[in-house]
Amino acid sequence: MTPRPLRSAAALGLLLAAGGTAWAADPFRVEGLPRDDSLTIREAPDAGAPALGQIPVGRRVLGFGCTSDTPSGLTWCRVKFGRTLGWARRRYLTPD
C-alpha cells in the first residue's frame, strides 16, 4: 500500500499537469519590462519553448510555484493568466 502523503503528492502532480489548481495560488504582477511590452507564457520553463500567450505589463497573474531546475538555471514560475497555464520568468513577477 502506498503511504498517504505519497498518494496525495502524486494526485496533486496529476492535477497540475492537467491544468487544475489544487491549492491557493499566489498573486503576482508583471513588472520590470518596458510599459508597452509583455511577458511571454511558455509551454515549458525554457526561453526556447513554444509561446502560449502574452501578459501585458502591470497585469496580475496567479502563480503555482517556481523552479530554478531548468536548462538555463534561471528561475521560472508556473502561472495562469486568463485561461492560459504555462511558465514565465520569475524575474518579471512581483508579489501582489
Foldseek 3Di string as FASTA:
>chain_A
DDDPVVVVVVVCVVCVVVPHDDDFWFKWFFDDDPQAAWWFFFAAADPPGDTDDTHHHGDMWTWDDWDLPDPVSFIWTFIDDPNDTGITGPVRIHGD
